[in-house]
Structure formats: structure tokens, C-alpha cells
Amino acid sequence: MCPPLSVLRNLTKRQANGLEEILKSLVSGFKPSATMYVPIAVDASTGVRRNELLAFRWTDFDAQAKTLRVERALEVTKKFGVRYKVPKTWRGKRTIALDDGTAALLTAEREKHQRVLAGIPDGAVVDLSLVRLPDDALIFPGAPGPGESFDFAKPRDPSAFSKSFRRGADALGFVGFEFHHLRGTHATLLLDKGMPVHTVAERIGDDPAVLLRNYAKRKRKQTADTSVATVINAISAGILGS
């Protein structure tokens, strides 16, 4: 859901700039973090659930088409620990259109992984298309533990990820802003830009009735252009500063 009004009211210096400026300030604040910035930027630009985000594989990303497929999500269980599950409903399994900035960000991140896999130093000019990542390689894998080798297929701990985000957000002055608020803020921004409720619902994998009930009151005057590509590129330009 969207950040509670109490959270936004505490951000008095940023409030006058609106949600887009608030989101831009938050996301850009994580740029110094090599492990947090890209997933946060991707989430802010797509509105996916945390456990969907952390389950993305490179095979889900199509750089040419500028899309991400939601095929699975992480699940934390007492018996099996962190594992994968299929989306709960047909709405959950979907293909999300990406803006130019997010597609470029993911392409650069994939190149970093290819260099790590092949042992190619940064700056070395090589044809990275020849370096194939494993089919189960995650876009945002977990860090290796003590004595462990790096594993591209090792998932991050969802709870630890949320805690890292909250600590970072608090340090940036966004006290009370939780990771799941990025999803609600993304949906609200799309509605504010005039995108139809059913289109936004399809993008974030929600029931249109639930989305309308949660966010319709925040929707402002519609713009003339409600195409997905135009709207998400406009939002990304504000968030990523592109």
C-alpha cells in the first residue's frame, strides 16, 4: 500500500514536491550502495512485490523488448527455508514493460555479473555476449557467507533485505517508509499520470477493484497521453534522473 499520510507529513521539506520528487530523493539516496541501489530503483520503476523482485532471474529480462517477466516469488518457510513458489493467482504471472532507464540499469548490472563469471576486469573491452550466465542465475543474488563461494543462484534473505532498506531509508530521513511502500507509490504515480486502473492493476498484479479501493482517492487529473511507455519513461526520468 502507499505510504501512510503520517509518513509523508513527516517529510515536510520534500512534501511540496509531491510523490515523484519524494521517490526520486529516496532512490537516489541509495546510489552509494552497490547491493541496494539497483533493486530499489527497479522496484520503484516496476511496482513488483519484494519477493517477486528477489526471485527475478536473468532469463526473465529481455533487454531488446525492455520487459521483465514475473514467473515466481520467494517464500520463507520454517521447514524448507527460502524457496520459490508460483504466483498465487493468474494476475501474478505477468510481463512488465520497462522504461529506458531501468532497462539500461539492468543491462549494466548483467554485464557486471558476466564479468564476474568470466573473471574479466572492469574496463577490459570484450564481447560479453559470449559469456552466458547460468539459467538459474538471479538478478539480485545473495552475498556469500563466510567461507562460501559466490553463487549466482543463491537468493537473498527477504527479511534482511527489508531491514537493510529500512535502515537506509531512516538514515536518509524517510523514517517509517517501508520497502512495500515503493509498490504503492509506483501505482499511485501511474494513476496520477492518468493511466487506467485496469492497466495499473495488470502491471502490478493486483485485482482492479482492490487497486481502485486503495488508490483511487489519490488519483488526480488525467493527462492526455496514457500509454504505458510514455508514462513509465516520464516517471523514470524523475526517479533515476535520466
Protein backbone atom coordinates (compact mmCIF):
# COMPACT_ATOMS: atom_id res chain seq x y z
CA MET A 1 0.00 0.00 0.00
CA CYS A 2 1.01 3.61 -0.35
CA PRO A 3 2.99 5.27 2.47
CA PRO A 4 0.64 6.40 5.25
CA LEU A 5 -0.05 10.11 5.36
CA SER A 6 1.74 10.30 8.70
CA VAL A 7 4.96 9.27 6.94
CA LEU A 8 4.56 11.87 4.20
CA ARG A 9 3.70 14.59 6.69
CA ASN A 10 6.98 13.95 8.46
CA LEU A 11 8.79 14.70 5.20
CA THR A 12 7.83 18.37 5.26
CA LYS A 13 10.80 19.56 3.20
CA ARG A 14 10.00 17.09 0.43
CA GLN A 15 6.21 17.10 0.63
CA ALA A 16 5.74 20.18 -1.54
CA ASN A 17 7.50 18.43 -4.42
CA GLY A 18 4.99 15.57 -4.50
CA LEU A 19 5.39 11.80 -4.60
CA GLU A 20 7.65 11.78 -7.64
CA GLU A 21 10.23 14.03 -6.01
CA ILE A 22 9.96 12.08 -2.77
CA LEU A 23 10.61 8.84 -4.61
CA LYS A 24 13.49 10.35 -6.59
CA SER A 25 15.12 11.59 -3.39
CA LEU A 26 14.73 8.21 -1.73
CA VAL A 27 16.01 6.11 -4.62
CA SER A 28 18.96 8.39 -5.40
CA GLY A 29 19.94 8.30 -1.74
CA PHE A 30 20.78 4.61 -2.12
CA LYS A 31 23.19 5.17 -5.04
CA PRO A 32 26.30 4.70 -2.87
CA SER A 33 25.12 1.14 -2.05
CA ALA A 34 26.37 -1.40 -4.58
CA THR A 35 23.89 -4.02 -3.37
CA MET A 36 20.77 -1.95 -2.69
CA TYR A 37 20.51 0.79 -5.31
CA VAL A 38 19.66 -1.27 -8.41
CA PRO A 39 16.97 -3.47 -6.81
CA ILE A 40 15.38 -0.42 -5.17
CA ALA A 41 15.42 1.52 -8.45
CA VAL A 42 13.91 -1.45 -10.30
CA ASP A 43 11.18 -1.86 -7.70
CA ALA A 44 10.35 1.85 -7.74
CA SER A 45 10.03 1.67 -11.53
CA THR A 46 8.00 -1.55 -11.72
CA GLY A 47 5.94 -1.83 -8.54
CA VAL A 48 6.67 -5.53 -8.11
CA ARG A 49 6.37 -7.22 -4.73
CA ARG A 50 9.57 -7.67 -2.76
CA ASN A 51 9.53 -11.46 -3.07
CA GLU A 52 8.92 -11.18 -6.82
CA LEU A 53 11.83 -8.77 -7.16
CA LEU A 54 14.25 -11.05 -5.34
CA ALA A 55 13.16 -14.04 -7.44
CA PHE A 56 13.92 -12.44 -10.82
CA ARG A 57 16.35 -14.40 -12.97
CA TRP A 58 18.30 -13.01 -15.89
CA THR A 59 16.23 -15.26 -18.15
CA ASP A 60 13.22 -13.12 -17.15
CA PHE A 61 14.81 -9.96 -18.53
CA ASP A 62 14.52 -9.11 -22.22
CA ALA A 63 16.78 -6.13 -22.91
CA GLN A 64 15.66 -5.77 -26.51
CA ALA A 65 11.94 -5.82 -25.74
CA LYS A 66 12.52 -3.93 -22.46
CA THR A 67 10.44 -6.29 -20.35
CA LEU A 68 10.64 -8.31 -17.14
CA ARG A 69 8.60 -11.48 -16.66
CA VAL A 70 7.20 -12.33 -13.23
CA GLU A 71 7.31 -16.12 -13.12
CA ARG A 72 7.90 -16.84 -9.45
CA ALA A 73 8.35 -15.37 -5.99
CA LEU A 74 10.38 -16.23 -2.93
CA GLU A 75 8.69 -17.87 0.01
CA VAL A 76 10.12 -18.16 3.52
CA THR A 77 9.14 -21.44 5.25
CA LYS A 78 10.09 -22.93 8.60
CA LYS A 79 10.69 -26.37 7.12
CA PHE A 80 12.49 -25.56 3.87
CA GLY A 81 13.82 -22.06 4.48
CA VAL A 82 13.74 -19.73 1.48
CA ARG A 83 12.29 -21.36 -1.63
CA TYR A 84 10.39 -20.45 -4.79
CA LYS A 85 6.67 -20.52 -5.42
CA VAL A 86 4.48 -19.73 -8.40
CA PRO A 87 2.23 -16.64 -8.24
CA LYS A 88 -0.92 -17.14 -6.18
CA THR A 89 -3.24 -16.00 -8.96
CA TRP A 90 -3.19 -15.66 -12.75
CA ARG A 91 -2.73 -11.93 -12.24
CA GLY A 92 0.60 -12.50 -10.55
CA LYS A 93 2.23 -14.11 -13.58
CA ARG A 94 2.79 -11.21 -15.95
CA THR A 95 5.19 -9.36 -18.22
CA ILE A 96 6.12 -5.82 -17.19
CA ALA A 97 7.14 -3.08 -19.62
CA LEU A 98 10.32 -1.29 -18.60
CA ASP A 99 11.32 2.31 -19.18
CA ASP A 100 14.57 3.07 -20.97
CA GLY A 101 16.43 3.96 -17.78
CA THR A 102 15.52 0.79 -15.91
CA ALA A 103 16.32 -1.41 -18.93
CA ALA A 104 19.73 0.26 -19.20
CA LEU A 105 20.32 -0.15 -15.46
CA LEU A 106 19.58 -3.88 -15.68
CA THR A 107 21.74 -4.28 -18.79
CA ALA A 108 24.68 -2.70 -16.97
CA GLU A 109 24.07 -4.94 -13.96
CA ARG A 110 24.01 -8.04 -16.14
CA GLU A 111 27.33 -7.03 -17.68
CA LYS A 112 28.82 -6.80 -14.18
CA HIS A 113 27.65 -10.36 -13.49
CA GLN A 114 29.07 -11.57 -16.79
CA ARG A 115 32.43 -10.04 -15.93
CA VAL A 116 32.40 -11.68 -12.51
CA LEU A 117 31.53 -15.07 -14.01
CA ALA A 118 34.23 -14.87 -16.68
CA GLY A 119 36.81 -13.18 -14.46
CA ILE A 120 37.02 -10.17 -16.77
CA PRO A 121 38.24 -6.98 -15.06
CA ASP A 122 36.25 -3.76 -15.32
CA GLY A 123 37.27 -1.68 -18.29
CA ALA A 124 38.55 -4.61 -20.36
CA VAL A 125 36.97 -4.49 -23.82
CA VAL A 126 35.48 -7.89 -24.62
CA ASP A 127 32.39 -9.30 -26.30
CA LEU A 128 30.24 -10.07 -23.28
CA SER A 129 27.59 -11.69 -25.46
CA LEU A 130 29.88 -14.73 -25.44
CA VAL A 131 29.53 -15.00 -21.64
CA ARG A 132 26.40 -16.93 -20.75
CA LEU A 133 25.08 -16.73 -17.23
CA PRO A 134 23.52 -19.88 -15.73
CA ASP A 135 19.80 -20.28 -16.43
CA ASP A 136 19.08 -20.09 -12.70
CA ALA A 137 21.24 -17.00 -12.15
CA LEU A 138 19.34 -14.40 -10.14
CA ILE A 139 19.36 -10.72 -11.00
CA PHE A 140 19.81 -9.87 -7.31
CA PRO A 141 21.59 -12.86 -5.72
CA GLY A 142 22.51 -13.10 -2.09
CA ALA A 143 26.02 -12.44 -0.83
CA PRO A 144 28.16 -15.49 0.02
CA GLY A 145 28.54 -16.43 3.65
CA PRO A 146 31.87 -16.88 5.43
CA GLY A 147 33.95 -19.42 3.54
CA GLU A 148 31.41 -19.71 0.71
CA SER A 149 31.98 -19.10 -2.98
CA PHE A 150 29.76 -16.65 -4.82
CA ASP A 151 26.62 -18.37 -6.06
CA PHE A 152 24.57 -16.62 -8.74
CA ALA A 153 21.55 -18.74 -7.82
CA LYS A 154 21.59 -18.04 -4.08
CA PRO A 155 18.52 -15.96 -3.13
CA ARG A 156 18.70 -13.06 -0.74
CA ASP A 157 17.00 -13.27 2.61
CA PRO A 158 13.80 -11.20 2.14
CA SER A 159 13.58 -10.09 5.75
CA ALA A 160 17.21 -8.99 5.87
CA PHE A 161 16.71 -7.11 2.60
CA SER A 162 13.74 -5.20 4.02
CA LYS A 163 15.67 -4.37 7.17
CA SER A 164 18.59 -3.02 5.12
CA PHE A 165 16.17 -0.86 3.17
CA ARG A 166 14.53 0.45 6.34
CA ARG A 167 17.88 1.35 7.90
CA GLY A 168 18.91 3.16 4.75
CA ALA A 169 15.58 4.95 4.42
CA ASP A 170 15.71 6.06 8.06
CA ALA A 171 19.23 7.40 7.57
CA LEU A 172 18.00 9.41 4.58
CA GLY A 173 15.22 10.96 6.64
CA PHE A 174 12.42 8.70 5.41
CA VAL A 175 11.53 7.41 8.86
CA GLY A 176 8.64 4.96 8.66
CA PHE A 177 8.96 4.34 4.91
CA GLU A 178 8.91 0.56 4.40
CA PHE A 179 10.03 -1.30 1.29
CA HIS A 180 6.48 -2.30 0.36
CA HIS A 181 5.58 1.40 0.18
CA LEU A 182 7.55 1.57 -3.09
CA ARG A 183 4.92 -0.64 -4.70
CA GLY A 184 2.04 1.55 -3.58
CA THR A 185 3.84 4.73 -4.54
CA HIS A 186 4.51 3.35 -8.03
CA ALA A 187 0.83 2.54 -8.52
CA THR A 188 -0.24 5.94 -7.21
CA LEU A 189 2.13 7.73 -9.58
CA LEU A 190 0.72 5.83 -12.56
CA LEU A 191 -2.82 6.74 -11.55
CA ASP A 192 -1.76 10.34 -11.02
CA LYS A 193 -0.42 10.33 -14.59
CA GLY A 194 -3.83 9.24 -15.86
CA MET A 195 -3.16 5.57 -16.56
CA PRO A 196 -6.38 3.50 -16.39
CA VAL A 197 -6.97 1.48 -13.24
CA HIS A 198 -7.15 -1.86 -15.06
CA THR A 199 -3.80 -1.19 -16.77
CA VAL A 200 -2.08 -0.33 -13.50
CA ALA A 201 -3.64 -3.38 -11.84
CA GLU A 202 -2.36 -5.62 -14.60
CA ARG A 203 1.13 -4.11 -14.27
CA ILE A 204 1.44 -4.68 -10.52
CA GLY A 205 -0.51 -7.96 -10.45
CA ASP A 206 -3.46 -6.71 -8.41
CA ASP A 207 -7.23 -7.00 -8.63
CA PRO A 208 -8.54 -3.77 -10.21
CA ALA A 209 -11.22 -3.50 -7.53
CA VAL A 210 -8.61 -3.74 -4.76
CA LEU A 211 -6.38 -1.22 -6.51
CA LEU A 212 -9.26 1.19 -7.02
CA ARG A 213 -10.30 0.93 -3.38
CA ASN A 214 -6.74 1.57 -2.16
CA TYR A 215 -5.60 4.26 -4.55
CA ALA A 216 -8.47 5.90 -6.43
CA LYS A 217 -8.80 8.70 -3.87
CA ARG A 218 -5.24 9.73 -4.63
CA LYS A 219 -5.81 9.90 -8.36
CA ARG A 220 -5.63 13.39 -9.78
CA LYS A 221 -6.49 14.91 -13.16
CA GLN A 222 -5.71 12.59 -16.08
CA THR A 223 -3.19 13.53 -18.70
CA ALA A 224 -3.86 13.24 -22.42
CA ASP A 225 -1.26 10.53 -23.08
CA THR A 226 -1.87 7.35 -21.06
CA SER A 227 0.36 4.92 -22.99
CA VAL A 228 2.46 2.69 -20.77
CA ALA A 229 5.77 3.57 -22.44
CA THR A 230 5.22 7.32 -22.22
CA VAL A 231 4.10 7.28 -18.59
CA ILE A 232 6.78 4.99 -17.18
CA ASN A 233 9.53 6.81 -19.09
CA ALA A 234 8.33 10.11 -17.64
CA ILE A 235 8.28 8.68 -14.13
CA SER A 236 11.68 7.02 -14.52
CA ALA A 237 13.23 10.26 -15.76
CA GLY A 238 12.14 11.84 -12.50
CA ILE A 239 13.22 8.94 -10.30
CA LEU A 240 16.53 7.97 -11.94
CA GLY A 241 17.40 11.48 -13.07
CA SER A 242 17.75 10.39 -16.69
